Amino acid sequence: MPNKEMLLIPGPTPVVDEIYEALSRETMSHTDMRFAGIFSEALAQTRKMFNTNGEVFVIAGSGTLAMEMALANTVARGEKLLIVSHGYFGDRFIGVAKALGIEAEVLAAEWGKQIEPSQIEEKLQQGGYKAVTVTHADTSTGVAANLDKVVPTVKKYGALFILDGVCASGGLEEDMGKAYGTDDYKIDVVLTASQKAIGVPPGLAIVAFGPKALESRAKMDGVNSYYMDINNWSPVMKEPQKYFATHPINMIYGYAEAMKIIAAEGTAARYRRHAAIGKAIRAAVRSMGMNIFAAEEVAAPTLSCILYPEGVNDAEFRAVLAKKGLIVAGLLASLAGKGFRLGHMGNATNDIFCKALEIIGETLGEMGFPVDSAKAVQVFKDVFAENNK
C-alpha cells in the first residue's frame, strides 16, 4: 500500500509496506496459539529494545493511556510526584497525576531549553518524592532530555525514574539495563506508543517496568483502575493466549513486524541514523534561512520545531504543502503561527526527507522567500553522511 502523502508530522509517521501487509493479515482469535506466538516474539523484542529484565506491556490504547498506566502502578494516591517538563507534553502529567490523586509538583523549563540537573536536585533535596517523570523528546518544543545528567540526579535521591518515550522509543536509546554512574542508577519505567519512531499506526500503549517499579506495584494496596492494573495484564503478557481483555489482533501483527524491522536494523544503527537525520534536517533548514526553535545542543533527533522567516503566513504555507502532498504540523501555544513541526523519525527514508526539503523550498519561493532547495538537499545529504558513520 503506497503512501499517497508524506506524513511528516511528529506522529503518526509514515508506515512502510511490510507493516501495512502485516496489518492486513487475516484476524485470528485472541486466544489462538498461533497469535500467541507472534505476540510473544514481539514482547521479547520489546524487552530487547529496552534492555530490561522487568516486564513489558503492550495493550490497546494511546500514549496518554501509557502515561496513566505508568503512574497508576508506581505512585499511590497521596504520594508525591515531581514532573520535569520541557513543554506541553511534559505538562500533561499534571492532569494525569490529578486524576489519580497524586500530589504533583512541576519543574517547567522555559520553552526551548532544558531543566538543569541542579534545579531537579534542589527539589529532590526537600524529600518525599516517590517518582520523577521526564519527557525524553517533547513534541511541542523539539527539546530532548539529557538522560546522562538527569537519571543519576534523580536516582541519587531514591525516586523512581519514569521516562515518557512517546516521541523517542525506537529512535533514541532508552536502555533500562544501563547504569548511570552506579549499578542502582537506572531508568525504572519507559512508556511509549506505537505511532512515532516505532512506525506503526496509532493504537497501542507500550510500557516497560523495571524491577524497582515492579517492586513498587507489589507494595501498593491496589490501583485506581481495572484496565490499567499491570497485575491483571502480567499473566497475559507472559502467556498471550490467556484472557484479560481482547487484544487488538491486527495492530499486534503490525507491531510485531515493526519490532522485526528494528531488530534487523540494529538499535545502535537505528539510534545513530536518527541522530544523523536530526542534524541533517536542522542544517538543511538553516541553509534555507529558517531557524530551529530548540538550540542544537538540546534538539531532539526525532522532530524539529522550525521557525519561519518574518512574514510567512502559517496557514497558507502549510495548506500549500498539503496540496503538494507534504503534511506538517503547526506549532503549539505561544509559538502557534510562527512556524511548523517536522517529524523525522521511524521508518521514513532519506529520499522522503530530500523530497520534503524540495517542496518546502519551492513553496517558500512561491510565497516570496526565494531559497536554494538544491543546496538544502545537498546539505542534508552531506551532514547525514558525515554523522551516520
Protein backbone atom coordinates (compact mmCIF):
# COMPACT_ATOMS: atom_id res chain seq x y z
CA MET A 1 0.00 0.00 0.00
CA PRO A 2 1.94 3.08 -1.19
CA ASN A 3 1.70 6.16 0.99
CA LYS A 4 -0.06 8.85 -1.06
CA GLU A 5 1.19 11.67 1.18
CA MET A 6 4.39 12.41 3.03
CA LEU A 7 3.11 12.43 6.60
CA LEU A 8 5.96 14.24 8.34
CA ILE A 9 4.23 15.38 11.50
CA PRO A 10 5.51 14.42 14.97
CA GLY A 11 3.37 11.27 14.70
CA PRO A 12 1.78 9.28 13.21
CA THR A 13 4.76 8.66 10.97
CA PRO A 14 4.90 7.02 7.51
CA VAL A 15 4.04 3.32 7.57
CA VAL A 16 6.11 1.01 5.37
CA ASP A 17 4.58 -1.65 3.14
CA GLU A 18 5.79 -4.56 5.31
CA ILE A 19 3.80 -3.22 8.25
CA TYR A 20 0.72 -2.48 6.11
CA GLU A 21 0.88 -6.05 4.84
CA ALA A 22 1.13 -7.40 8.38
CA LEU A 23 -1.84 -5.28 9.47
CA SER A 24 -3.96 -6.70 6.65
CA ARG A 25 -3.45 -10.35 7.60
CA GLU A 26 -6.48 -12.45 8.48
CA THR A 27 -7.66 -11.77 12.02
CA MET A 28 -7.17 -14.72 14.38
CA SER A 29 -8.75 -15.46 17.71
CA HIS A 30 -7.10 -13.56 20.55
CA THR A 31 -6.56 -16.91 22.31
CA ASP A 32 -5.15 -18.71 19.26
CA MET A 33 -1.75 -20.25 19.96
CA ARG A 34 -0.51 -19.03 16.58
CA PHE A 35 -1.33 -15.47 17.56
CA ALA A 36 0.22 -16.03 20.99
CA GLY A 37 3.48 -16.99 19.28
CA ILE A 38 3.50 -13.78 17.22
CA PHE A 39 2.73 -11.66 20.27
CA SER A 40 5.30 -13.44 22.44
CA GLU A 41 8.04 -12.75 19.92
CA ALA A 42 7.03 -9.09 19.71
CA LEU A 43 7.15 -8.80 23.50
CA ALA A 44 10.58 -10.46 23.58
CA GLN A 45 11.86 -7.96 21.00
CA THR A 46 10.38 -5.12 23.06
CA ARG A 47 12.31 -6.27 26.13
CA LYS A 48 15.46 -6.35 23.98
CA MET A 49 14.84 -2.84 22.67
CA PHE A 50 14.54 -1.51 26.21
CA ASN A 51 17.18 -3.95 27.54
CA THR A 52 15.11 -4.78 30.58
CA ASN A 53 14.79 -7.85 32.77
CA GLY A 54 11.50 -6.47 34.05
CA GLU A 55 8.13 -6.75 32.31
CA VAL A 56 6.71 -5.11 29.21
CA PHE A 57 3.06 -4.45 28.46
CA VAL A 58 1.58 -3.84 25.00
CA ILE A 59 -2.16 -3.12 25.11
CA ALA A 60 -4.84 -1.36 23.12
CA GLY A 61 -4.59 2.36 23.84
CA SER A 62 -2.65 5.55 23.23
CA GLY A 63 0.38 7.29 24.66
CA THR A 64 -1.88 9.03 27.15
CA LEU A 65 -3.06 5.65 28.44
CA ALA A 66 0.59 4.62 28.74
CA MET A 67 1.23 7.73 30.86
CA GLU A 68 -1.64 6.81 33.18
CA MET A 69 -0.56 3.18 33.36
CA ALA A 70 2.98 4.17 34.31
CA LEU A 71 1.85 6.44 37.16
CA ALA A 72 -1.07 4.35 38.40
CA ASN A 73 1.17 1.32 39.01
CA THR A 74 4.03 3.12 40.73
CA VAL A 75 2.71 6.14 42.65
CA ALA A 76 -0.16 5.74 45.09
CA ARG A 77 -2.87 8.28 45.85
CA GLY A 78 -1.42 10.99 48.12
CA GLU A 79 2.22 10.27 47.27
CA LYS A 80 4.41 12.96 45.76
CA LEU A 81 5.50 13.18 42.14
CA LEU A 82 7.94 15.60 40.55
CA ILE A 83 7.15 16.44 36.93
CA VAL A 84 10.13 17.67 34.90
CA SER A 85 8.55 19.38 31.90
CA HIS A 86 10.19 20.59 28.71
CA GLY A 87 6.91 21.59 27.08
CA TYR A 88 3.23 20.89 26.54
CA PHE A 89 3.51 17.12 26.69
CA GLY A 90 5.53 17.15 29.87
CA ASP A 91 2.74 19.23 31.39
CA ARG A 92 0.19 16.53 30.52
CA PHE A 93 1.45 14.56 33.51
CA ILE A 94 -0.16 17.25 35.70
CA GLY A 95 -3.64 16.23 34.63
CA VAL A 96 -2.82 12.52 34.84
CA ALA A 97 -1.49 12.90 38.39
CA LYS A 98 -4.51 14.95 39.47
CA ALA A 99 -6.92 12.33 38.14
CA LEU A 100 -5.08 9.64 40.11
CA GLY A 101 -4.99 11.64 43.34
CA ILE A 102 -1.21 12.04 43.23
CA GLU A 103 0.41 15.17 44.69
CA ALA A 104 2.33 16.66 41.79
CA GLU A 105 4.87 19.45 41.65
CA VAL A 106 6.20 20.78 38.39
CA LEU A 107 9.59 21.99 37.25
CA ALA A 108 8.81 23.65 33.92
CA ALA A 109 11.61 24.70 31.62
CA GLU A 110 11.49 27.85 29.56
CA TRP A 111 10.27 26.59 26.20
CA GLY A 112 13.20 25.62 24.01
CA LYS A 113 15.50 24.92 26.96
CA GLN A 114 16.25 22.04 29.34
CA ILE A 115 15.72 21.91 33.07
CA GLU A 116 19.14 21.97 34.73
CA PRO A 117 20.01 18.98 36.96
CA SER A 118 20.74 21.42 39.79
CA GLN A 119 17.09 22.55 39.69
CA ILE A 120 15.92 18.94 39.98
CA GLU A 121 18.32 18.28 42.81
CA GLU A 122 17.13 21.34 44.71
CA LYS A 123 13.58 19.98 44.59
CA LEU A 124 14.52 16.42 45.49
CA GLN A 125 16.53 17.58 48.49
CA GLN A 126 13.21 18.51 50.07
CA GLY A 127 12.49 14.78 50.27
CA GLY A 128 9.39 12.68 49.96
CA TYR A 129 9.15 12.27 46.19
CA LYS A 130 8.12 8.78 45.11
CA ALA A 131 8.92 9.31 41.43
CA VAL A 132 10.04 11.80 38.79
CA THR A 133 8.66 11.99 35.25
CA VAL A 134 10.75 13.23 32.33
CA THR A 135 9.70 13.51 28.69
CA HIS A 136 12.51 12.19 26.51
CA ALA A 137 11.58 14.29 23.46
CA ASP A 138 8.82 16.87 23.82
CA THR A 139 6.94 17.31 20.56
CA SER A 140 5.81 20.84 21.40
CA THR A 141 9.33 22.25 21.64
CA GLY A 142 11.65 19.77 19.95
CA VAL A 143 13.73 19.57 23.13
CA ALA A 144 15.30 16.26 24.21
CA ALA A 145 16.21 15.45 27.81
CA ASN A 146 19.81 14.62 28.69
CA LEU A 147 19.46 11.25 30.41
CA ASP A 148 23.16 11.06 31.29
CA LYS A 149 22.66 14.09 33.53
CA VAL A 150 19.08 13.67 34.70
CA VAL A 151 18.91 9.97 35.59
CA PRO A 152 21.74 9.99 38.18
CA THR A 153 20.40 13.20 39.69
CA VAL A 154 17.01 11.58 40.28
CA LYS A 155 18.30 8.19 41.39
CA LYS A 156 20.66 9.78 43.90
CA TYR A 157 17.56 10.61 45.96
CA GLY A 158 15.91 7.20 45.64
CA ALA A 159 12.99 8.27 43.45
CA LEU A 160 11.68 6.14 40.60
CA PHE A 161 12.66 7.47 37.17
CA ILE A 162 9.71 7.41 34.75
CA LEU A 163 10.59 8.23 31.14
CA ASP A 164 7.99 9.35 28.61
CA GLY A 165 9.35 7.90 25.38
CA VAL A 166 6.33 8.52 23.17
CA CYS A 167 8.32 10.58 20.65
CA ALA A 168 11.60 8.76 21.27
CA SER A 169 11.24 4.99 21.68
CA GLY A 170 12.71 3.26 18.66
CA GLY A 171 14.64 6.39 17.71
CA LEU A 172 16.65 7.29 20.83
CA GLU A 173 18.39 4.96 23.27
CA GLU A 174 16.23 4.05 26.25
CA ASP A 175 18.35 1.38 27.88
CA MET A 176 16.79 0.25 31.15
CA GLY A 177 19.75 -2.01 31.87
CA LYS A 178 22.26 0.82 31.65
CA ALA A 179 23.79 2.04 34.90
CA TYR A 180 24.08 5.82 35.05
CA GLY A 181 27.02 6.12 37.42
CA THR A 182 26.31 3.23 39.80
CA ASP A 183 24.57 -0.13 39.41
CA ASP A 184 21.38 1.16 41.07
CA TYR A 185 21.01 4.28 38.94
CA LYS A 186 18.74 3.04 36.14
CA ILE A 187 15.57 4.03 34.30
CA ASP A 188 12.65 2.37 36.09
CA VAL A 189 9.77 2.85 33.62
CA VAL A 190 9.58 3.69 29.93
CA LEU A 191 6.18 4.48 28.46
CA THR A 192 5.50 4.94 24.79
CA ALA A 193 3.10 4.40 21.89
CA SER A 194 3.16 2.73 18.50
CA GLN A 195 2.79 5.63 16.07
CA LYS A 196 6.00 7.60 16.20
CA ALA A 197 9.59 6.30 15.94
CA ILE A 198 8.34 2.70 16.10
CA GLY A 199 6.46 3.35 12.86
CA VAL A 200 3.09 1.62 13.41
CA PRO A 201 -0.31 3.35 13.15
CA PRO A 202 -1.80 4.71 16.40
CA GLY A 203 -3.49 2.20 18.68
CA LEU A 204 -1.00 0.62 21.08
CA ALA A 205 0.12 1.75 24.52
CA ILE A 206 3.50 0.28 25.47
CA VAL A 207 5.00 0.37 28.95
CA ALA A 208 8.15 -1.28 30.30
CA PHE A 209 8.58 -1.70 34.06
CA GLY A 210 11.98 -2.40 35.58
CA PRO A 211 12.49 -4.39 38.80
CA LYS A 212 12.16 -1.42 41.18
CA ALA A 213 8.97 -0.26 39.51
CA LEU A 214 7.54 -3.76 39.81
CA GLU A 215 8.51 -3.81 43.48
CA SER A 216 6.63 -0.55 43.93
CA ARG A 217 3.49 -2.04 42.40
CA ALA A 218 3.81 -5.11 44.64
CA LYS A 219 3.77 -2.88 47.73
CA MET A 220 0.66 -0.95 46.67
CA ASP A 221 -2.70 -1.98 48.10
CA GLY A 222 -4.34 -1.53 44.73
CA VAL A 223 -4.66 0.61 41.62
CA ASN A 224 -7.44 3.08 40.86
CA SER A 225 -8.18 1.28 37.62
CA TYR A 226 -9.15 -2.16 36.41
CA TYR A 227 -7.88 -1.97 32.82
CA MET A 228 -4.57 -0.28 33.70
CA ASP A 229 -3.60 -2.58 36.57
CA ILE A 230 -0.47 -4.44 35.47
CA ASN A 231 -1.32 -7.24 37.89
CA ASN A 232 -4.26 -8.02 35.60
CA TRP A 233 -2.11 -7.88 32.48
CA SER A 234 1.03 -9.61 33.71
CA PRO A 235 -0.19 -13.22 33.27
CA VAL A 236 -1.36 -12.37 29.75
CA MET A 237 1.96 -10.79 28.74
CA LYS A 238 3.71 -13.97 29.89
CA GLU A 239 1.21 -16.23 28.06
CA PRO A 240 -0.68 -14.16 25.46
CA GLN A 241 -3.26 -16.88 24.81
CA LYS A 242 -4.70 -16.16 28.25
CA TYR A 243 -7.60 -13.73 28.51
CA PHE A 244 -7.97 -10.48 30.39
CA ALA A 245 -9.19 -8.19 27.61
CA THR A 246 -9.30 -8.78 23.87
CA HIS A 247 -6.04 -7.94 22.14
CA PRO A 248 -6.03 -5.61 19.10
CA ILE A 249 -5.01 -8.55 16.91
CA ASN A 250 -4.09 -6.79 13.69
CA MET A 251 -2.29 -3.99 15.50
CA ILE A 252 -0.15 -6.64 17.18
CA TYR A 253 0.64 -8.10 13.75
CA GLY A 254 1.88 -4.67 12.65
CA TYR A 255 3.77 -4.12 15.88
CA ALA A 256 5.48 -7.50 15.60
CA GLU A 257 6.64 -6.57 12.09
CA ALA A 258 7.92 -3.22 13.37
CA MET A 259 9.93 -5.00 16.05
CA LYS A 260 11.47 -7.22 13.35
CA ILE A 261 12.42 -4.13 11.33
CA ILE A 262 14.08 -2.54 14.38
CA ALA A 263 15.92 -5.75 15.22
CA ALA A 264 17.14 -6.15 11.64
CA GLU A 265 18.49 -2.61 11.53
CA GLY A 266 20.00 -2.96 15.00
CA THR A 267 19.25 -0.50 17.77
CA ALA A 268 22.71 1.14 17.73
CA ALA A 269 22.48 1.74 13.98
CA ARG A 270 18.90 2.97 14.28
CA TYR A 271 19.74 5.47 17.02
CA ARG A 272 22.77 6.68 15.06
CA ARG A 273 20.60 7.09 11.94
CA HIS A 274 18.04 9.17 13.82
CA ALA A 275 20.72 11.40 15.33
CA ALA A 276 22.25 11.92 11.88
CA ILE A 277 18.86 12.70 10.28
CA GLY A 278 18.09 15.23 13.00
CA LYS A 279 21.37 17.05 12.46
CA ALA A 280 20.97 16.93 8.69
CA ILE A 281 17.42 18.30 8.74
CA ARG A 282 18.39 21.14 11.07
CA ALA A 283 21.39 22.07 8.92
CA ALA A 284 19.33 21.97 5.72
CA VAL A 285 16.58 24.12 7.22
CA ARG A 286 19.09 26.72 8.38
CA SER A 287 20.59 26.81 4.88
CA MET A 288 17.14 27.95 3.68
CA GLY A 289 17.12 30.92 6.05
CA MET A 290 14.90 29.39 8.72
CA ASN A 291 15.73 28.69 12.35
CA ILE A 292 15.19 25.81 14.75
CA PHE A 293 13.39 26.69 17.98
CA ALA A 294 15.48 24.37 20.19
CA ALA A 295 19.22 25.07 20.42
CA GLU A 296 21.40 22.49 18.70
CA GLU A 297 22.74 21.06 21.96
CA VAL A 298 19.23 20.20 23.23
CA ALA A 299 17.47 19.46 19.92
CA ALA A 300 15.63 16.14 19.60
CA PRO A 301 16.69 13.71 16.85
CA THR A 302 13.08 12.80 16.09
CA LEU A 303 11.39 16.10 15.27
CA SER A 304 12.13 19.78 14.75
CA CYS A 305 10.19 22.94 15.52
CA ILE A 306 11.04 25.17 12.56
CA LEU A 307 10.58 28.95 12.66
CA TYR A 308 9.55 30.85 9.54
CA PRO A 309 11.28 33.88 8.08
CA GLU A 310 9.42 37.03 9.09
CA GLY A 311 6.26 37.47 7.03
CA VAL A 312 5.32 33.87 6.15
CA ASN A 313 1.62 33.11 6.60
CA ASP A 314 1.49 29.85 8.54
CA ALA A 315 -1.94 28.61 7.47
CA GLU A 316 -1.27 29.41 3.80
CA PHE A 317 2.18 27.82 3.87
CA ARG A 318 1.01 24.53 5.40
CA ALA A 319 -2.04 24.42 3.12
CA VAL A 320 0.18 24.72 0.03
CA LEU A 321 2.48 22.00 1.36
CA ALA A 322 -0.55 19.76 1.87
CA LYS A 323 -1.71 20.28 -1.71
CA LYS A 324 1.74 19.14 -2.82
CA GLY A 325 1.49 16.03 -0.68
CA LEU A 326 3.58 17.10 2.32
CA ILE A 327 1.79 17.17 5.67
CA VAL A 328 3.47 19.03 8.54
CA ALA A 329 2.10 20.17 11.90
CA GLY A 330 1.64 23.63 13.35
CA LEU A 331 3.45 24.90 16.40
CA LEU A 332 1.61 24.99 19.71
CA ALA A 333 0.66 27.53 22.39
CA SER A 334 2.63 30.80 22.22
CA LEU A 335 4.54 29.54 19.16
CA ALA A 336 1.39 28.98 17.09
CA GLY A 337 1.63 30.64 13.68
CA LYS A 338 5.37 31.22 13.94
CA GLY A 339 6.50 28.01 12.27
CA PHE A 340 5.80 24.33 11.83
CA ARG A 341 6.79 20.97 13.26
CA LEU A 342 8.52 18.41 11.06
CA GLY A 343 8.77 14.81 12.19
CA HIS A 344 11.88 12.92 11.05
CA MET A 345 11.69 9.52 12.66
CA GLY A 346 10.65 5.93 12.36
CA ASN A 347 10.97 4.18 9.01
CA ALA A 348 10.78 7.25 6.77
CA THR A 349 13.61 7.26 4.24
CA ASN A 350 16.15 9.91 3.34
CA ASP A 351 14.55 10.15 -0.10
CA ILE A 352 11.34 11.30 1.60
CA PHE A 353 13.20 13.95 3.58
CA CYS A 354 15.02 15.21 0.47
CA LYS A 355 11.71 15.48 -1.40
CA ALA A 356 10.17 17.28 1.59
CA LEU A 357 13.02 19.82 1.60
CA GLU A 358 12.48 20.43 -2.11
CA ILE A 359 8.77 21.10 -1.55
CA ILE A 360 9.45 23.38 1.43
CA GLY A 361 11.97 25.40 -0.55
CA GLU A 362 9.72 25.58 -3.60
CA THR A 363 6.79 26.78 -1.50
CA LEU A 364 8.85 29.43 0.27
CA GLY A 365 9.90 30.72 -3.16
CA GLU A 366 6.29 30.89 -4.33
CA MET A 367 5.44 32.95 -1.25
CA GLY A 368 8.17 35.50 -1.95
CA PHE A 369 11.03 33.97 0.02
CA PRO A 370 13.37 32.51 -2.62
CA VAL A 371 15.73 29.80 -1.35
CA ASP A 372 18.13 27.31 -2.92
CA SER A 373 16.37 23.99 -2.47
CA ALA A 374 19.06 22.04 -4.27
CA LYS A 375 21.63 23.39 -1.84
CA ALA A 376 19.45 22.44 1.13
CA VAL A 377 19.11 18.88 -0.17
CA GLN A 378 22.86 18.62 -0.63
CA VAL A 379 23.46 19.97 2.86
CA PHE A 380 21.12 17.29 4.18
CA LYS A 381 22.97 14.54 2.32
CA ASP A 382 26.42 15.77 3.35
CA VAL A 383 25.59 16.23 7.04
CA PHE A 384 23.81 12.87 7.21
CA ALA A 385 26.77 11.08 5.61
CA GLU A 386 29.20 12.74 7.98
CA ASN A 387 27.24 11.76 11.08
CA ASN A 388 25.97 8.29 10.14
CA LYS A 389 29.31 6.51 10.39
